[in-house]
Amino acid sequence: MISSKRPVLAIDFDGTIVENKYPSIGKPKLFAIETLKKLQMKGFVLILWTYRDGEYLNEAVEFCRKQGIEFYAVNKSYPEEVYSSEISRKINADIFIDDRNIGGFLGWGEIYRELIGDDDELLRLENKKKGFFKSIFKKK
């Protein structure tokens, strides 16, 4: 059983952590890796909740592991859960983060602010990237 004061997060992979290039693995979405690592560090319970299975699922889990993200469970509510047609396949989580939410994907910066609040480190990264884009597209 999970004993966390923080919400349990069920997080989709394709289109949420990475750009949707299924069955390939797309590039990480802006701030996805940084946000997930920070959430993990702050004690949030992360569950990977994805359509992927078999080798494609293993590739996604390994991709995240190489980025420094470890999931409590993958396509399960807890690591020891064994699939059975007798139980619901719904993941037991408090919050579901998915690119197919009503209204679309909020973006990792907004998700971070909703779950943790403002953070100087994240704001510095955001402003640095915004400044870069402004400098490229600056009218002369």
C-alpha atoms as a PDB file:
ATOM      1  CA  MET A   1       0.000   0.000   0.000  1.00  0.00           C
ATOM      2  CA  ILE A   2       1.180   3.525  -0.776  1.00  0.00           C
ATOM      3  CA  SER A   3       1.751   5.743   2.231  1.00  0.00           C
ATOM      4  CA  SER A   4       2.233   9.160   0.721  1.00  0.00           C
ATOM      5  CA  LYS A   5       0.927  12.529   1.747  1.00  0.00           C
ATOM      6  CA  ARG A   6       1.298  13.585  -1.879  1.00  0.00           C
ATOM      7  CA  PRO A   7      -1.205  12.570  -4.566  1.00  0.00           C
ATOM      8  CA  VAL A   8      -0.603   9.470  -6.661  1.00  0.00           C
ATOM      9  CA  LEU A   9      -0.080  10.531 -10.277  1.00  0.00           C
ATOM     10  CA  ALA A  10      -0.932   8.292 -13.249  1.00  0.00           C
ATOM     11  CA  ILE A  11       1.044   9.654 -16.194  1.00  0.00           C
ATOM     12  CA  ASP A  12       0.636   8.801 -19.874  1.00  0.00           C
ATOM     13  CA  PHE A  13       3.756   8.403 -22.017  1.00  0.00           C
ATOM     14  CA  ASP A  14       3.147   9.146 -25.726  1.00  0.00           C
ATOM     15  CA  GLY A  15       2.021  12.727 -26.239  1.00  0.00           C
ATOM     16  CA  THR A  16       2.516  13.533 -22.549  1.00  0.00           C
ATOM     17  CA  ILE A  17       6.080  12.726 -21.478  1.00  0.00           C
ATOM     18  CA  VAL A  18       7.333  12.583 -25.066  1.00  0.00           C
ATOM     19  CA  GLU A  19       5.986  13.765 -28.408  1.00  0.00           C
ATOM     20  CA  ASN A  20       3.604  11.197 -29.862  1.00  0.00           C
ATOM     21  CA  LYS A  21       5.682   9.167 -32.340  1.00  0.00           C
ATOM     22  CA  TYR A  22       4.310   5.747 -31.336  1.00  0.00           C
ATOM     23  CA  PRO A  23       5.656   3.103 -31.751  1.00  0.00           C
ATOM     24  CA  SER A  24       8.924   5.083 -31.743  1.00  0.00           C
ATOM     25  CA  ILE A  25       9.839   7.266 -28.793  1.00  0.00           C
ATOM     26  CA  GLY A  26       9.488  10.954 -29.542  1.00  0.00           C
ATOM     27  CA  LYS A  27      11.497  13.817 -28.107  1.00  0.00           C
ATOM     28  CA  PRO A  28      10.728  14.750 -24.493  1.00  0.00           C
ATOM     29  CA  LYS A  29       7.996  17.375 -24.136  1.00  0.00           C
ATOM     30  CA  LEU A  30       9.145  20.762 -22.853  1.00  0.00           C
ATOM     31  CA  PHE A  31       9.850  20.530 -19.080  1.00  0.00           C
ATOM     32  CA  ALA A  32       8.513  16.942 -18.861  1.00  0.00           C
ATOM     33  CA  ILE A  33      11.693  15.337 -17.540  1.00  0.00           C
ATOM     34  CA  GLU A  34      12.549  18.216 -15.196  1.00  0.00           C
ATOM     35  CA  THR A  35       9.015  18.301 -13.781  1.00  0.00           C
ATOM     36  CA  LEU A  36       8.763  14.536 -13.276  1.00  0.00           C
ATOM     37  CA  LYS A  37      12.136  14.430 -11.526  1.00  0.00           C
ATOM     38  CA  LYS A  38      11.126  17.304  -9.249  1.00  0.00           C
ATOM     39  CA  LEU A  39       7.747  15.675  -8.471  1.00  0.00           C
ATOM     40  CA  GLN A  40       9.551  12.423  -7.695  1.00  0.00           C
ATOM     41  CA  MET A  41      12.017  14.262  -5.467  1.00  0.00           C
ATOM     42  CA  LYS A  42       9.155  15.990  -3.614  1.00  0.00           C
ATOM     43  CA  GLY A  43       7.579  12.624  -2.773  1.00  0.00           C
ATOM     44  CA  PHE A  44       4.836  12.285  -5.358  1.00  0.00           C
ATOM     45  CA  VAL A  45       4.057   8.683  -6.310  1.00  0.00           C
ATOM     46  CA  LEU A  46       4.449   8.257 -10.083  1.00  0.00           C
ATOM     47  CA  ILE A  47       2.690   5.516 -12.040  1.00  0.00           C
ATOM     48  CA  LEU A  48       3.330   5.117 -15.749  1.00  0.00           C
ATOM     49  CA  TRP A  49      -0.089   4.634 -17.335  1.00  0.00           C
ATOM     50  CA  THR A  50       0.194   3.990 -21.056  1.00  0.00           C
ATOM     51  CA  TYR A  51      -1.268   2.126 -24.007  1.00  0.00           C
ATOM     52  CA  ARG A  52       2.165   0.595 -24.639  1.00  0.00           C
ATOM     53  CA  ASP A  53       2.848  -3.019 -23.762  1.00  0.00           C
ATOM     54  CA  GLY A  54       5.482  -5.668 -24.373  1.00  0.00           C
ATOM     55  CA  GLU A  55       8.741  -4.445 -25.888  1.00  0.00           C
ATOM     56  CA  TYR A  56       7.315  -0.970 -26.600  1.00  0.00           C
ATOM     57  CA  LEU A  57       6.458  -0.613 -22.922  1.00  0.00           C
ATOM     58  CA  ASN A  58       9.927  -1.811 -21.884  1.00  0.00           C
ATOM     59  CA  GLU A  59      11.471   0.814 -24.198  1.00  0.00           C
ATOM     60  CA  ALA A  60       9.390   3.581 -22.595  1.00  0.00           C
ATOM     61  CA  VAL A  61      10.273   2.480 -19.050  1.00  0.00           C
ATOM     62  CA  GLU A  62      13.974   2.255 -19.949  1.00  0.00           C
ATOM     63  CA  PHE A  63      13.859   5.678 -21.641  1.00  0.00           C
ATOM     64  CA  CYS A  64      12.447   7.195 -18.446  1.00  0.00           C
ATOM     65  CA  ARG A  65      14.934   5.316 -16.257  1.00  0.00           C
ATOM     66  CA  LYS A  66      17.827   6.738 -18.302  1.00  0.00           C
ATOM     67  CA  GLN A  67      16.372  10.205 -17.709  1.00  0.00           C
ATOM     68  CA  GLY A  68      16.387   9.569 -13.945  1.00  0.00           C
ATOM     69  CA  ILE A  69      12.660   8.833 -13.574  1.00  0.00           C
ATOM     70  CA  GLU A  70      11.616   5.723 -11.652  1.00  0.00           C
ATOM     71  CA  PHE A  71       7.965   4.729 -11.488  1.00  0.00           C
ATOM     72  CA  TYR A  72       6.307   3.148  -8.475  1.00  0.00           C
ATOM     73  CA  ALA A  73       4.307   0.943 -10.860  1.00  0.00           C
ATOM     74  CA  VAL A  74       3.782   0.556 -14.594  1.00  0.00           C
ATOM     75  CA  ASN A  75       0.248   0.047 -15.936  1.00  0.00           C
ATOM     76  CA  LYS A  76      -0.727  -1.155 -12.448  1.00  0.00           C
ATOM     77  CA  SER A  77      -1.904   0.454  -9.232  1.00  0.00           C
ATOM     78  CA  TYR A  78       0.960  -1.152  -7.293  1.00  0.00           C
ATOM     79  CA  PRO A  79       4.046  -3.181  -8.334  1.00  0.00           C
ATOM     80  CA  GLU A  80       2.777  -6.556  -7.086  1.00  0.00           C
ATOM     81  CA  GLU A  81      -0.583  -6.324  -8.878  1.00  0.00           C
ATOM     82  CA  VAL A  82      -1.198  -9.252 -11.227  1.00  0.00           C
ATOM     83  CA  TYR A  83      -3.561  -8.821 -14.136  1.00  0.00           C
ATOM     84  CA  SER A  84      -6.824 -10.677 -13.819  1.00  0.00           C
ATOM     85  CA  SER A  85     -10.082 -10.279 -15.723  1.00  0.00           C
ATOM     86  CA  GLU A  86     -11.721 -10.337 -12.280  1.00  0.00           C
ATOM     87  CA  ILE A  87     -10.455  -6.849 -11.367  1.00  0.00           C
ATOM     88  CA  SER A  88     -10.909  -3.429 -12.912  1.00  0.00           C
ATOM     89  CA  ARG A  89      -8.120  -2.198 -15.173  1.00  0.00           C
ATOM     90  CA  LYS A  90      -8.608   1.324 -13.878  1.00  0.00           C
ATOM     91  CA  ILE A  91      -5.458   2.599 -12.191  1.00  0.00           C
ATOM     92  CA  ASN A  92      -5.914   3.712  -8.585  1.00  0.00           C
ATOM     93  CA  ALA A  93      -4.541   7.248  -8.756  1.00  0.00           C
ATOM     94  CA  ASP A  94      -5.537  10.682  -7.516  1.00  0.00           C
ATOM     95  CA  ILE A  95      -4.570  12.611 -10.647  1.00  0.00           C
ATOM     96  CA  PHE A  96      -4.309  11.499 -14.279  1.00  0.00           C
ATOM     97  CA  ILE A  97      -1.923  13.428 -16.531  1.00  0.00           C
ATOM     98  CA  ASP A  98      -2.655  12.764 -20.193  1.00  0.00           C
ATOM     99  CA  ASP A  99      -2.509  14.632 -23.490  1.00  0.00           C
ATOM    100  CA  ARG A 100      -6.105  13.598 -24.168  1.00  0.00           C
ATOM    101  CA  ASN A 101      -7.627  15.463 -21.229  1.00  0.00           C
ATOM    102  CA  ILE A 102     -10.704  17.546 -21.920  1.00  0.00           C
ATOM    103  CA  GLY A 103      -9.303  20.872 -23.008  1.00  0.00           C
ATOM    104  CA  GLY A 104      -6.009  19.286 -24.085  1.00  0.00           C
ATOM    105  CA  PHE A 105      -2.653  19.004 -22.392  1.00  0.00           C
ATOM    106  CA  LEU A 106      -1.886  21.843 -19.964  1.00  0.00           C
ATOM    107  CA  GLY A 107       1.877  21.668 -20.433  1.00  0.00           C
ATOM    108  CA  TRP A 108       4.411  20.613 -17.830  1.00  0.00           C
ATOM    109  CA  GLY A 109       5.049  24.143 -16.543  1.00  0.00           C
ATOM    110  CA  GLU A 110       1.362  24.530 -15.656  1.00  0.00           C
ATOM    111  CA  ILE A 111       1.180  21.020 -14.182  1.00  0.00           C
ATOM    112  CA  TYR A 112       4.200  21.813 -12.013  1.00  0.00           C
ATOM    113  CA  ARG A 113       2.607  25.053 -10.762  1.00  0.00           C
ATOM    114  CA  GLU A 114      -0.687  23.261 -10.028  1.00  0.00           C
ATOM    115  CA  LEU A 115       0.991  20.476  -8.025  1.00  0.00           C
ATOM    116  CA  ILE A 116       3.941  22.232  -6.382  1.00  0.00           C
ATOM    117  CA  GLY A 117       3.488  25.964  -6.863  1.00  0.00           C
ATOM    118  CA  ASP A 118       5.982  28.431  -8.251  1.00  0.00           C
ATOM    119  CA  ASP A 119       9.596  27.416  -8.118  1.00  0.00           C
ATOM    120  CA  ASP A 120      12.498  29.733  -8.821  1.00  0.00           C
ATOM    121  CA  GLU A 121      14.420  27.059 -10.732  1.00  0.00           C
ATOM    122  CA  LEU A 122      11.538  26.263 -13.095  1.00  0.00           C
ATOM    123  CA  LEU A 123      10.725  29.936 -13.627  1.00  0.00           C
ATOM    124  CA  ARG A 124      14.375  30.664 -14.495  1.00  0.00           C
ATOM    125  CA  LEU A 125      14.341  27.854 -17.081  1.00  0.00           C
ATOM    126  CA  GLU A 126      11.061  29.091 -18.560  1.00  0.00           C
ATOM    127  CA  ASN A 127      12.258  32.687 -18.759  1.00  0.00           C
ATOM    128  CA  LYS A 128      15.574  31.629 -20.279  1.00  0.00           C
ATOM    129  CA  LYS A 129      13.794  29.690 -23.045  1.00  0.00           C
ATOM    130  CA  LYS A 130      11.287  32.518 -23.615  1.00  0.00           C
ATOM    131  CA  GLY A 131      14.154  34.995 -23.851  1.00  0.00           C
ATOM    132  CA  PHE A 132      15.893  32.790 -26.401  1.00  0.00           C
ATOM    133  CA  PHE A 133      12.794  32.600 -28.601  1.00  0.00           C
ATOM    134  CA  LYS A 134      12.181  36.347 -28.298  1.00  0.00           C
ATOM    135  CA  SER A 135      15.749  37.036 -29.407  1.00  0.00           C
ATOM    136  CA  ILE A 136      15.342  34.798 -32.480  1.00  0.00           C
ATOM    137  CA  PHE A 137      12.074  36.370 -33.572  1.00  0.00           C
ATOM    138  CA  LYS A 138      12.919  39.935 -32.573  1.00  0.00           C
ATOM    139  CA  LYS A 139      11.785  42.469 -35.173  1.00  0.00           C
ATOM    140  CA  LYS A 140      14.578  44.677 -36.443  1.00  0.00           C
END
